Amino acid sequence: MLKKLFQVFRPPQTPTPPDPDAELALGALLVRVAQSDRDYQLEEISLIDRILARLYQHNAIEAAKVRAACEKLHTAAPETDTFGRLIRETTGLEERLSALDALWEVVLADGHEHPGEIRIVEDARKAMGLSRADSDVARARAQGKLLNPEVGIHPGQLVADEPDETITSKTPDREQQP
């Protein structure tokens, strides 16, 4: 009887977050970047949903559900580099470059690059085994998407100074030590 009384006053146990896979790890990183400036806006939430839908072929409802799970995972989450290592260990180079693009899209979405956001992207980049040059190219692609969202720019491509030119970058050697 006394045990039941104490259970009433004890906070309910929160369910344990799901074990992350590459999709949930990236989603949690996107949420972490968006929330790092303590201003988690509807535009950022919508962008995360669109990124998850684009990268993992979800419809809008599925993407929103994944993002909601990622928000919970982020709250109870391990360090940023843990997510980055999980992405590195379970995906190929093209997927890691796409993940880096997505992180930069969220950083640049509100028009302000906050130091906390940059730090998260850098930690994730290192953990994913990508170079600083990869990050610079991903940032340029993300800026290109913001400036001209209709243009289909893919990892491995840079937007050139001339609008009709597309430069295919030869990705330099990746950093061996994160």
Protein backbone atom coordinates (compact mmCIF):
# COMPACT_ATOMS: atom_id res chain seq x y z
CA MET A 1 0.00 0.00 0.00
CA LEU A 2 2.77 2.42 0.94
CA LYS A 3 4.64 1.42 -2.22
CA LYS A 4 1.63 2.40 -4.38
CA LEU A 5 1.44 5.75 -2.62
CA PHE A 6 5.09 6.50 -3.37
CA GLN A 7 4.61 5.50 -7.00
CA VAL A 8 1.92 8.15 -7.36
CA PHE A 9 4.38 10.88 -6.36
CA ARG A 10 7.31 9.49 -8.31
CA PRO A 11 7.70 10.94 -11.80
CA PRO A 12 6.77 8.51 -14.56
CA GLN A 13 9.67 6.68 -16.12
CA THR A 14 10.53 8.03 -19.50
CA PRO A 15 10.76 5.43 -22.21
CA THR A 16 14.27 4.68 -23.35
CA PRO A 17 15.10 6.20 -26.71
CA PRO A 18 15.54 3.83 -29.65
CA ASP A 19 19.00 2.57 -30.54
CA PRO A 20 20.19 4.97 -33.21
CA ASP A 21 20.96 3.94 -36.73
CA ALA A 22 22.52 6.29 -39.29
CA GLU A 23 19.16 7.94 -40.02
CA LEU A 24 18.36 8.62 -36.37
CA ALA A 25 21.95 9.68 -35.70
CA LEU A 26 21.83 12.24 -38.52
CA GLY A 27 18.37 13.41 -37.45
CA ALA A 28 19.58 13.88 -33.87
CA LEU A 29 22.58 15.86 -35.14
CA LEU A 30 20.28 18.05 -37.24
CA VAL A 31 18.09 18.69 -34.20
CA ARG A 32 21.18 19.34 -32.07
CA VAL A 33 22.43 21.96 -34.55
CA ALA A 34 19.00 23.61 -34.80
CA GLN A 35 18.59 23.75 -31.01
CA SER A 36 22.15 24.81 -30.23
CA ASP A 37 21.33 28.52 -30.49
CA ARG A 38 18.37 28.04 -28.13
CA ASP A 39 16.02 29.23 -30.88
CA TYR A 40 14.40 26.13 -32.42
CA GLN A 41 12.19 27.70 -35.07
CA LEU A 42 9.40 26.27 -37.19
CA GLU A 43 11.51 26.92 -40.31
CA GLU A 44 14.28 24.74 -38.91
CA ILE A 45 11.83 22.01 -37.93
CA SER A 46 10.33 22.06 -41.43
CA LEU A 47 13.78 21.99 -42.99
CA ILE A 48 14.78 18.96 -40.90
CA ASP A 49 11.59 17.20 -42.00
CA ARG A 50 12.34 17.99 -45.67
CA ILE A 51 15.94 16.79 -45.33
CA LEU A 52 14.86 13.51 -43.71
CA ALA A 53 12.20 13.04 -46.40
CA ARG A 54 14.70 13.74 -49.18
CA LEU A 55 17.52 11.56 -47.84
CA TYR A 56 15.44 8.62 -46.65
CA GLN A 57 12.44 8.74 -49.03
CA HIS A 58 9.84 9.47 -46.36
CA ASN A 59 6.53 11.17 -46.87
CA ALA A 60 5.84 14.28 -44.76
CA ILE A 61 4.19 12.39 -41.89
CA GLU A 62 6.91 9.74 -41.70
CA ALA A 63 9.63 12.43 -41.75
CA ALA A 64 7.90 14.32 -38.91
CA LYS A 65 7.69 11.12 -36.85
CA VAL A 66 11.38 10.41 -37.42
CA ARG A 67 12.26 14.00 -36.46
CA ALA A 68 10.18 13.68 -33.27
CA ALA A 69 12.08 10.50 -32.39
CA CYS A 70 15.32 12.33 -33.14
CA GLU A 71 14.33 15.15 -30.79
CA LYS A 72 13.91 12.61 -28.00
CA LEU A 73 17.15 10.90 -28.93
CA HIS A 74 19.00 14.23 -28.95
CA THR A 75 17.72 15.00 -25.44
CA ALA A 76 18.97 11.70 -24.01
CA ALA A 77 21.78 11.44 -26.50
CA PRO A 78 25.43 10.66 -26.39
CA GLU A 79 28.03 13.13 -27.55
CA THR A 80 28.04 14.51 -31.07
CA ASP A 81 31.08 12.48 -32.07
CA THR A 82 29.25 9.26 -31.11
CA PHE A 83 26.58 10.04 -33.70
CA GLY A 84 29.23 10.97 -36.24
CA ARG A 85 31.14 7.73 -35.71
CA LEU A 86 27.91 5.74 -36.07
CA ILE A 87 27.27 7.45 -39.41
CA ARG A 88 30.87 6.77 -40.52
CA GLU A 89 30.70 3.10 -39.55
CA THR A 90 27.33 2.38 -41.18
CA THR A 91 27.34 4.45 -44.38
CA GLY A 92 29.50 5.09 -47.41
CA LEU A 93 31.33 8.24 -48.37
CA GLU A 94 28.48 9.64 -50.49
CA GLU A 95 26.01 9.32 -47.58
CA ARG A 96 28.47 10.97 -45.17
CA LEU A 97 28.94 13.87 -47.58
CA SER A 98 25.15 14.19 -47.86
CA ALA A 99 24.92 14.20 -44.05
CA LEU A 100 27.49 17.01 -43.90
CA ASP A 101 25.51 18.95 -46.53
CA ALA A 102 22.36 18.54 -44.43
CA LEU A 103 24.10 19.78 -41.28
CA TRP A 104 25.27 22.90 -43.13
CA GLU A 105 21.76 23.47 -44.49
CA VAL A 106 20.42 23.66 -40.94
CA VAL A 107 23.27 25.92 -39.80
CA LEU A 108 22.62 28.35 -42.64
CA ALA A 109 18.81 28.15 -42.55
CA ASP A 110 18.27 31.13 -40.25
CA GLY A 111 20.92 33.32 -41.89
CA HIS A 112 23.14 33.33 -38.80
CA GLU A 113 26.03 31.00 -38.11
CA HIS A 114 26.30 30.57 -34.37
CA PRO A 115 29.55 29.31 -32.82
CA GLY A 116 27.73 26.42 -31.13
CA GLU A 117 26.32 25.26 -34.47
CA ILE A 118 29.74 25.42 -36.12
CA ARG A 119 31.29 23.45 -33.25
CA ILE A 120 28.69 20.68 -33.62
CA VAL A 121 29.25 20.46 -37.39
CA GLU A 122 33.03 20.34 -36.87
CA ASP A 123 32.77 17.61 -34.23
CA ALA A 124 30.45 15.61 -36.49
CA ARG A 125 32.70 16.15 -39.53
CA LYS A 126 35.75 14.84 -37.70
CA ALA A 127 33.86 11.85 -36.32
CA MET A 128 32.51 11.04 -39.80
CA GLY A 129 36.09 10.99 -41.09
CA LEU A 130 35.64 13.90 -43.48
CA SER A 131 38.15 16.64 -44.23
CA ARG A 132 37.90 20.36 -43.71
CA ALA A 133 37.82 20.68 -47.51
CA ASP A 134 34.77 18.39 -47.56
CA SER A 135 33.13 20.71 -45.05
CA ASP A 136 33.94 23.78 -47.14
CA VAL A 137 32.44 22.15 -50.23
CA ALA A 138 29.35 21.01 -48.26
CA ARG A 139 28.90 24.54 -46.92
CA ALA A 140 29.08 25.98 -50.44
CA ARG A 141 26.50 23.45 -51.67
CA ALA A 142 24.20 24.31 -48.76
CA GLN A 143 24.52 28.01 -49.55
CA GLY A 144 23.74 27.23 -53.18
CA LYS A 145 20.59 25.38 -52.15
CA LEU A 146 19.47 28.34 -50.07
CA LEU A 147 20.14 30.79 -52.89
CA ASN A 148 18.62 28.64 -55.62
CA PRO A 149 16.60 25.72 -54.20
CA GLU A 150 15.49 24.50 -57.65
CA VAL A 151 19.04 23.66 -58.69
CA GLY A 152 19.86 20.04 -58.04
CA ILE A 153 23.32 20.22 -56.52
CA HIS A 154 24.69 16.91 -55.35
CA PRO A 155 27.65 15.90 -53.22
CA GLY A 156 30.80 16.12 -55.30
CA GLN A 157 29.61 19.27 -57.07
CA LEU A 158 30.26 22.93 -56.37
CA VAL A 159 28.33 25.91 -57.64
CA ALA A 160 30.68 27.93 -59.82
CA ASP A 161 30.83 31.71 -60.04
CA GLU A 162 29.04 31.53 -63.37
CA PRO A 163 25.45 30.27 -63.03
CA ASP A 164 25.75 27.96 -66.07
CA GLU A 165 28.88 26.22 -64.83
CA THR A 166 29.03 23.33 -62.40
CA ILE A 167 32.41 22.20 -61.17
CA THR A 168 32.80 18.61 -60.10
CA SER A 169 35.20 18.58 -57.21
CA LYS A 170 37.72 15.86 -56.76
CA THR A 171 37.44 15.22 -53.08
CA PRO A 172 40.88 15.39 -51.43
CA ASP A 173 42.18 12.65 -49.18
CA ARG A 174 40.11 12.34 -46.06
CA GLU A 175 41.63 12.98 -42.68
CA GLN A 176 42.71 9.70 -41.19
CA GLN A 177 42.55 10.83 -37.58
CA PRO A 178 39.33 12.60 -36.52
